[in-house]
Amino acid sequence: MLHPETLEAYRKMTPSERLKLTLEMTRKNFRRLLVGSPEIVAQRFEVLRRQNDERNRNMLTGIARTREP
């Protein structure tokens, strides 16, 4: 989980600033994702998938709460 101050800084960024930051971090770290045995690499991608699924569930839950019954 991110620190509340970090989250607030991200919220203040424009979408283009967040995208730029995301692309920079991806470019810097992508090669490291692929280093290691096939099992280790698969584990890393599985963790990313689980984290992404959890974020998507949280967003959908939040959206569902805003919908009228």
PDB file of N, CA and C in Angstrom:
ATOM      1  N   MET A   1       0.836  -1.174   0.000  1.00  0.00           N
ATOM      2  CA  MET A   1       0.000   0.000   0.000  1.00  0.00           C
ATOM      3  C   MET A   1       0.887   1.245   0.000  1.00  0.00           C
ATOM      4  N   LEU A   2       0.461   2.223  -0.740  1.00  0.00           N
ATOM      5  CA  LEU A   2       1.231   3.455  -0.830  1.00  0.00           C
ATOM      6  C   LEU A   2       0.944   4.370   0.353  1.00  0.00           C
ATOM      7  N   HIS A   3       1.920   5.156   0.691  1.00  0.00           N
ATOM      8  CA  HIS A   3       1.789   6.129   1.769  1.00  0.00           C
ATOM      9  C   HIS A   3       0.736   7.166   1.365  1.00  0.00           C
ATOM     10  N   PRO A   4      -0.087   7.630   2.299  1.00  0.00           N
ATOM     11  CA  PRO A   4      -1.130   8.609   1.958  1.00  0.00           C
ATOM     12  C   PRO A   4      -0.606   9.849   1.240  1.00  0.00           C
ATOM     13  N   GLU A   5       0.579  10.315   1.614  1.00  0.00           N
ATOM     14  CA  GLU A   5       1.144  11.494   0.946  1.00  0.00           C
ATOM     15  C   GLU A   5       1.500  11.188  -0.507  1.00  0.00           C
ATOM     16  N   THR A   6       1.976   9.967  -0.756  1.00  0.00           N
ATOM     17  CA  THR A   6       2.295   9.560  -2.120  1.00  0.00           C
ATOM     18  C   THR A   6       1.017   9.488  -2.947  1.00  0.00           C
ATOM     19  N   LEU A   7      -0.027   8.903  -2.374  1.00  0.00           N
ATOM     20  CA  LEU A   7      -1.306   8.832  -3.074  1.00  0.00           C
ATOM     21  C   LEU A   7      -1.830  10.223  -3.411  1.00  0.00           C
ATOM     22  N   GLU A   8      -1.709  11.133  -2.465  1.00  0.00           N
ATOM     23  CA  GLU A   8      -2.182  12.498  -2.706  1.00  0.00           C
ATOM     24  C   GLU A   8      -1.389  13.157  -3.835  1.00  0.00           C
ATOM     25  N   ALA A   9      -0.084  12.928  -3.866  1.00  0.00           N
ATOM     26  CA  ALA A   9       0.744  13.486  -4.944  1.00  0.00           C
ATOM     27  C   ALA A   9       0.304  12.921  -6.292  1.00  0.00           C
ATOM     28  N   TYR A  10       0.008  11.618  -6.359  1.00  0.00           N
ATOM     29  CA  TYR A  10      -0.461  11.009  -7.602  1.00  0.00           C
ATOM     30  C   TYR A  10      -1.804  11.593  -8.020  1.00  0.00           C
ATOM     31  N   ARG A  11      -2.687  11.820  -7.052  1.00  0.00           N
ATOM     32  CA  ARG A  11      -4.008  12.380  -7.371  1.00  0.00           C
ATOM     33  C   ARG A  11      -3.901  13.794  -7.950  1.00  0.00           C
ATOM     34  N   LYS A  12      -2.892  14.522  -7.534  1.00  0.00           N
ATOM     35  CA  LYS A  12      -2.706  15.896  -8.020  1.00  0.00           C
ATOM     36  C   LYS A  12      -2.095  15.941  -9.416  1.00  0.00           C
ATOM     37  N   MET A  13      -1.514  14.828  -9.864  1.00  0.00           N
ATOM     38  CA  MET A  13      -0.906  14.783 -11.194  1.00  0.00           C
ATOM     39  C   MET A  13      -1.982  14.742 -12.265  1.00  0.00           C
ATOM     40  N   THR A  14      -1.630  15.271 -13.412  1.00  0.00           N
ATOM     41  CA  THR A  14      -2.525  15.140 -14.559  1.00  0.00           C
ATOM     42  C   THR A  14      -2.404  13.711 -15.089  1.00  0.00           C
ATOM     43  N   PRO A  15      -3.381  13.251 -15.856  1.00  0.00           N
ATOM     44  CA  PRO A  15      -3.268  11.912 -16.446  1.00  0.00           C
ATOM     45  C   PRO A  15      -1.987  11.748 -17.272  1.00  0.00           C
ATOM     46  N   SER A  16      -1.593  12.769 -17.994  1.00  0.00           N
ATOM     47  CA  SER A  16      -0.374  12.652 -18.806  1.00  0.00           C
ATOM     48  C   SER A  16       0.871  12.536 -17.924  1.00  0.00           C
ATOM     49  N   GLU A  17       0.889  13.218 -16.781  1.00  0.00           N
ATOM     50  CA  GLU A  17       2.024  13.100 -15.854  1.00  0.00           C
ATOM     51  C   GLU A  17       2.098  11.691 -15.271  1.00  0.00           C
ATOM     52  N   ARG A  18       0.934  11.129 -14.910  1.00  0.00           N
ATOM     53  CA  ARG A  18       0.912   9.765 -14.370  1.00  0.00           C
ATOM     54  C   ARG A  18       1.350   8.755 -15.410  1.00  0.00           C
ATOM     55  N   LEU A  19       0.896   8.952 -16.648  1.00  0.00           N
ATOM     56  CA  LEU A  19       1.295   8.050 -17.727  1.00  0.00           C
ATOM     57  C   LEU A  19       2.797   8.125 -17.967  1.00  0.00           C
ATOM     58  N   LYS A  20       3.337   9.325 -17.992  1.00  0.00           N
ATOM     59  CA  LYS A  20       4.779   9.495 -18.196  1.00  0.00           C
ATOM     60  C   LYS A  20       5.556   8.778 -17.100  1.00  0.00           C
ATOM     61  N   LEU A  21       5.136   8.942 -15.849  1.00  0.00           N
ATOM     62  CA  LEU A  21       5.791   8.280 -14.725  1.00  0.00           C
ATOM     63  C   LEU A  21       5.706   6.763 -14.861  1.00  0.00           C
ATOM     64  N   THR A  22       4.538   6.266 -15.240  1.00  0.00           N
ATOM     65  CA  THR A  22       4.340   4.828 -15.418  1.00  0.00           C
ATOM     66  C   THR A  22       5.250   4.282 -16.512  1.00  0.00           C
ATOM     67  N   LEU A  23       5.307   4.968 -17.634  1.00  0.00           N
ATOM     68  CA  LEU A  23       6.150   4.497 -18.739  1.00  0.00           C
ATOM     69  C   LEU A  23       7.626   4.533 -18.373  1.00  0.00           C
ATOM     70  N   GLU A  24       8.055   5.551 -17.640  1.00  0.00           N
ATOM     71  CA  GLU A  24       9.456   5.623 -17.208  1.00  0.00           C
ATOM     72  C   GLU A  24       9.796   4.453 -16.284  1.00  0.00           C
ATOM     73  N   MET A  25       8.915   4.176 -15.321  1.00  0.00           N
ATOM     74  CA  MET A  25       9.172   3.064 -14.395  1.00  0.00           C
ATOM     75  C   MET A  25       9.163   1.729 -15.124  1.00  0.00           C
ATOM     76  N   THR A  26       8.258   1.576 -16.076  1.00  0.00           N
ATOM     77  CA  THR A  26       8.184   0.338 -16.850  1.00  0.00           C
ATOM     78  C   THR A  26       9.459   0.138 -17.654  1.00  0.00           C
ATOM     79  N   ARG A  27       9.895   1.198 -18.328  1.00  0.00           N
ATOM     80  CA  ARG A  27      11.102   1.104 -19.150  1.00  0.00           C
ATOM     81  C   ARG A  27      12.319   0.729 -18.304  1.00  0.00           C
ATOM     82  N   LYS A  28      12.430   1.337 -17.121  1.00  0.00           N
ATOM     83  CA  LYS A  28      13.588   1.086 -16.263  1.00  0.00           C
ATOM     84  C   LYS A  28      13.595  -0.315 -15.669  1.00  0.00           C
ATOM     85  N   ASN A  29      12.432  -0.896 -15.441  1.00  0.00           N
ATOM     86  CA  ASN A  29      12.369  -2.139 -14.673  1.00  0.00           C
ATOM     87  C   ASN A  29      11.937  -3.366 -15.454  1.00  0.00           C
ATOM     88  N   PHE A  30      11.518  -3.221 -16.707  1.00  0.00           N
ATOM     89  CA  PHE A  30      10.977  -4.359 -17.445  1.00  0.00           C
ATOM     90  C   PHE A  30      11.997  -5.482 -17.605  1.00  0.00           C
ATOM     91  N   ARG A  31      13.231  -5.157 -17.923  1.00  0.00           N
ATOM     92  CA  ARG A  31      14.248  -6.195 -18.134  1.00  0.00           C
ATOM     93  C   ARG A  31      14.450  -7.041 -16.884  1.00  0.00           C
ATOM     94  N   ARG A  32      14.380  -6.401 -15.718  1.00  0.00           N
ATOM     95  CA  ARG A  32      14.559  -7.134 -14.465  1.00  0.00           C
ATOM     96  C   ARG A  32      13.458  -8.168 -14.259  1.00  0.00           C
ATOM     97  N   LEU A  33      12.280  -7.903 -14.801  1.00  0.00           N
ATOM     98  CA  LEU A  33      11.175  -8.851 -14.691  1.00  0.00           C
ATOM     99  C   LEU A  33      11.507 -10.171 -15.366  1.00  0.00           C
ATOM    100  N   LEU A  34      12.300 -10.113 -16.408  1.00  0.00           N
ATOM    101  CA  LEU A  34      12.575 -11.289 -17.224  1.00  0.00           C
ATOM    102  C   LEU A  34      13.839 -12.043 -16.828  1.00  0.00           C
ATOM    103  N   VAL A  35      14.537 -11.573 -15.791  1.00  0.00           N
ATOM    104  CA  VAL A  35      15.776 -12.211 -15.357  1.00  0.00           C
ATOM    105  C   VAL A  35      15.462 -13.340 -14.382  1.00  0.00           C
ATOM    106  N   GLY A  36      16.087 -14.487 -14.603  1.00  0.00           N
ATOM    107  CA  GLY A  36      15.908 -15.617 -13.696  1.00  0.00           C
ATOM    108  C   GLY A  36      15.362 -16.821 -14.431  1.00  0.00           C
ATOM    109  N   SER A  37      15.131 -17.868 -13.651  1.00  0.00           N
ATOM    110  CA  SER A  37      14.609 -19.105 -14.234  1.00  0.00           C
ATOM    111  C   SER A  37      13.183 -18.875 -14.724  1.00  0.00           C
ATOM    112  N   PRO A  38      12.709 -19.722 -15.622  1.00  0.00           N
ATOM    113  CA  PRO A  38      11.329 -19.579 -16.107  1.00  0.00           C
ATOM    114  C   PRO A  38      10.301 -19.610 -14.969  1.00  0.00           C
ATOM    115  N   GLU A  39      10.575 -20.380 -13.940  1.00  0.00           N
ATOM    116  CA  GLU A  39       9.648 -20.458 -12.804  1.00  0.00           C
ATOM    117  C   GLU A  39       9.577 -19.129 -12.053  1.00  0.00           C
ATOM    118  N   ILE A  40      10.734 -18.526 -11.835  1.00  0.00           N
ATOM    119  CA  ILE A  40      10.781 -17.240 -11.132  1.00  0.00           C
ATOM    120  C   ILE A  40      10.072 -16.166 -11.950  1.00  0.00           C
ATOM    121  N   VAL A  41      10.328 -16.138 -13.249  1.00  0.00           N
ATOM    122  CA  VAL A  41       9.685 -15.152 -14.121  1.00  0.00           C
ATOM    123  C   VAL A  41       8.167 -15.354 -14.099  1.00  0.00           C
ATOM    124  N   ALA A  42       7.731 -16.607 -14.175  1.00  0.00           N
ATOM    125  CA  ALA A  42       6.295 -16.902 -14.133  1.00  0.00           C
ATOM    126  C   ALA A  42       5.685 -16.445 -12.811  1.00  0.00           C
ATOM    127  N   GLN A  43       6.403 -16.639 -11.713  1.00  0.00           N
ATOM    128  CA  GLN A  43       5.913 -16.199 -10.405  1.00  0.00           C
ATOM    129  C   GLN A  43       5.754 -14.684 -10.365  1.00  0.00           C
ATOM    130  N   ARG A  44       6.720 -13.977 -10.917  1.00  0.00           N
ATOM    131  CA  ARG A  44       6.636 -12.509 -10.934  1.00  0.00           C
ATOM    132  C   ARG A  44       5.399 -12.037 -11.686  1.00  0.00           C
ATOM    133  N   PHE A  45       5.159 -12.641 -12.856  1.00  0.00           N
ATOM    134  CA  PHE A  45       3.994 -12.237 -13.640  1.00  0.00           C
ATOM    135  C   PHE A  45       2.691 -12.650 -12.959  1.00  0.00           C
ATOM    136  N   GLU A  46       2.703 -13.761 -12.250  1.00  0.00           N
ATOM    137  CA  GLU A  46       1.504 -14.170 -11.514  1.00  0.00           C
ATOM    138  C   GLU A  46       1.194 -13.170 -10.396  1.00  0.00           C
ATOM    139  N   VAL A  47       2.211 -12.690  -9.711  1.00  0.00           N
ATOM    140  CA  VAL A  47       2.008 -11.675  -8.671  1.00  0.00           C
ATOM    141  C   VAL A  47       1.415 -10.413  -9.298  1.00  0.00           C
ATOM    142  N   LEU A  48       1.955  -9.995 -10.436  1.00  0.00           N
ATOM    143  CA  LEU A  48       1.421  -8.814 -11.122  1.00  0.00           C
ATOM    144  C   LEU A  48      -0.040  -9.017 -11.520  1.00  0.00           C
ATOM    145  N   ARG A  49      -0.366 -10.212 -12.034  1.00  0.00           N
ATOM    146  CA  ARG A  49      -1.751 -10.499 -12.405  1.00  0.00           C
ATOM    147  C   ARG A  49      -2.678 -10.447 -11.198  1.00  0.00           C
ATOM    148  N   ARG A  50      -2.246 -11.043 -10.078  1.00  0.00           N
ATOM    149  CA  ARG A  50      -3.072 -11.028  -8.862  1.00  0.00           C
ATOM    150  C   ARG A  50      -3.289  -9.605  -8.371  1.00  0.00           C
ATOM    151  N   GLN A  51      -2.221  -8.812  -8.356  1.00  0.00           N
ATOM    152  CA  GLN A  51      -2.348  -7.426  -7.909  1.00  0.00           C
ATOM    153  C   GLN A  51      -3.281  -6.638  -8.823  1.00  0.00           C
ATOM    154  N   ASN A  52      -3.166  -6.853 -10.124  1.00  0.00           N
ATOM    155  CA  ASN A  52      -4.023  -6.163 -11.083  1.00  0.00           C
ATOM    156  C   ASN A  52      -5.480  -6.588 -10.897  1.00  0.00           C
ATOM    157  N   ASP A  53      -5.709  -7.879 -10.713  1.00  0.00           N
ATOM    158  CA  ASP A  53      -7.073  -8.377 -10.488  1.00  0.00           C
ATOM    159  C   ASP A  53      -7.673  -7.763  -9.231  1.00  0.00           C
ATOM    160  N   GLU A  54      -6.875  -7.659  -8.182  1.00  0.00           N
ATOM    161  CA  GLU A  54      -7.362  -7.075  -6.928  1.00  0.00           C
ATOM    162  C   GLU A  54      -7.711  -5.597  -7.121  1.00  0.00           C
ATOM    163  N   ARG A  55      -6.864  -4.858  -7.822  1.00  0.00           N
ATOM    164  CA  ARG A  55      -7.164  -3.447  -8.100  1.00  0.00           C
ATOM    165  C   ARG A  55      -8.455  -3.317  -8.905  1.00  0.00           C
ATOM    166  N   ASN A  56      -8.616  -4.169  -9.912  1.00  0.00           N
ATOM    167  CA  ASN A  56      -9.827  -4.124 -10.725  1.00  0.00           C
ATOM    168  C   ASN A  56     -11.066  -4.451  -9.889  1.00  0.00           C
ATOM    169  N   ARG A  57     -10.964  -5.459  -9.007  1.00  0.00           N
ATOM    170  CA  ARG A  57     -12.089  -5.792  -8.127  1.00  0.00           C
ATOM    171  C   ARG A  57     -12.449  -4.612  -7.237  1.00  0.00           C
ATOM    172  N   ASN A  58     -11.436  -3.979  -6.678  1.00  0.00           N
ATOM    173  CA  ASN A  58     -11.681  -2.823  -5.811  1.00  0.00           C
ATOM    174  C   ASN A  58     -12.359  -1.689  -6.572  1.00  0.00           C
ATOM    175  N   MET A  59     -11.910  -1.424  -7.800  1.00  0.00           N
ATOM    176  CA  MET A  59     -12.529  -0.368  -8.595  1.00  0.00           C
ATOM    177  C   MET A  59     -13.975  -0.715  -8.927  1.00  0.00           C
ATOM    178  N   LEU A  60     -14.223  -1.963  -9.321  1.00  0.00           N
ATOM    179  CA  LEU A  60     -15.584  -2.368  -9.659  1.00  0.00           C
ATOM    180  C   LEU A  60     -16.499  -2.319  -8.441  1.00  0.00           C
ATOM    181  N   THR A  61     -15.972  -2.692  -7.286  1.00  0.00           N
ATOM    182  CA  THR A  61     -16.753  -2.607  -6.053  1.00  0.00           C
ATOM    183  C   THR A  61     -17.104  -1.149  -5.748  1.00  0.00           C
ATOM    184  N   GLY A  62     -16.133  -0.276  -5.898  1.00  0.00           N
ATOM    185  CA  GLY A  62     -16.387   1.153  -5.670  1.00  0.00           C
ATOM    186  C   GLY A  62     -17.398   1.713  -6.649  1.00  0.00           C
ATOM    187  N   ILE A  63     -17.292   1.328  -7.897  1.00  0.00           N
ATOM    188  CA  ILE A  63     -18.244   1.797  -8.921  1.00  0.00           C
ATOM    189  C   ILE A  63     -19.636   1.265  -8.599  1.00  0.00           C
ATOM    190  N   ALA A  64     -19.717  -0.003  -8.206  1.00  0.00           N
ATOM    191  CA  ALA A  64     -21.019  -0.602  -7.887  1.00  0.00           C
ATOM    192  C   ALA A  64     -21.700   0.133  -6.728  1.00  0.00           C
ATOM    193  N   ARG A  65     -20.923   0.603  -5.775  1.00  0.00           N
ATOM    194  CA  ARG A  65     -21.497   1.329  -4.635  1.00  0.00           C
ATOM    195  C   ARG A  65     -22.094   2.671  -5.049  1.00  0.00           C
ATOM    196  N   THR A  66     -21.588   3.240  -6.137  1.00  0.00           N
ATOM    197  CA  THR A  66     -22.099   4.543  -6.563  1.00  0.00           C
ATOM    198  C   THR A  66     -23.349   4.419  -7.433  1.00  0.00           C
ATOM    199  N   ARG A  67     -23.646   3.217  -7.883  1.00  0.00           N
ATOM    200  CA  ARG A  67     -24.822   2.995  -8.731  1.00  0.00           C
ATOM    201  C   ARG A  67     -26.083   2.979  -7.878  1.00  0.00           C
ATOM    202  N   GLU A  68     -27.147   3.492  -8.447  1.00  0.00           N
ATOM    203  CA  GLU A  68     -28.432   3.444  -7.741  1.00  0.00           C
ATOM    204  C   GLU A  68     -28.987   2.027  -7.839  1.00  0.00           C
ATOM    205  N   PRO A  69     -29.639   1.559  -6.776  1.00  0.00           N
ATOM    206  CA  PRO A  69     -30.194   0.199  -6.791  1.00  0.00           C
ATOM    207  C   PRO A  69     -31.311   0.017  -7.793  1.00  0.00           C
TER     208      PRO A  69
END
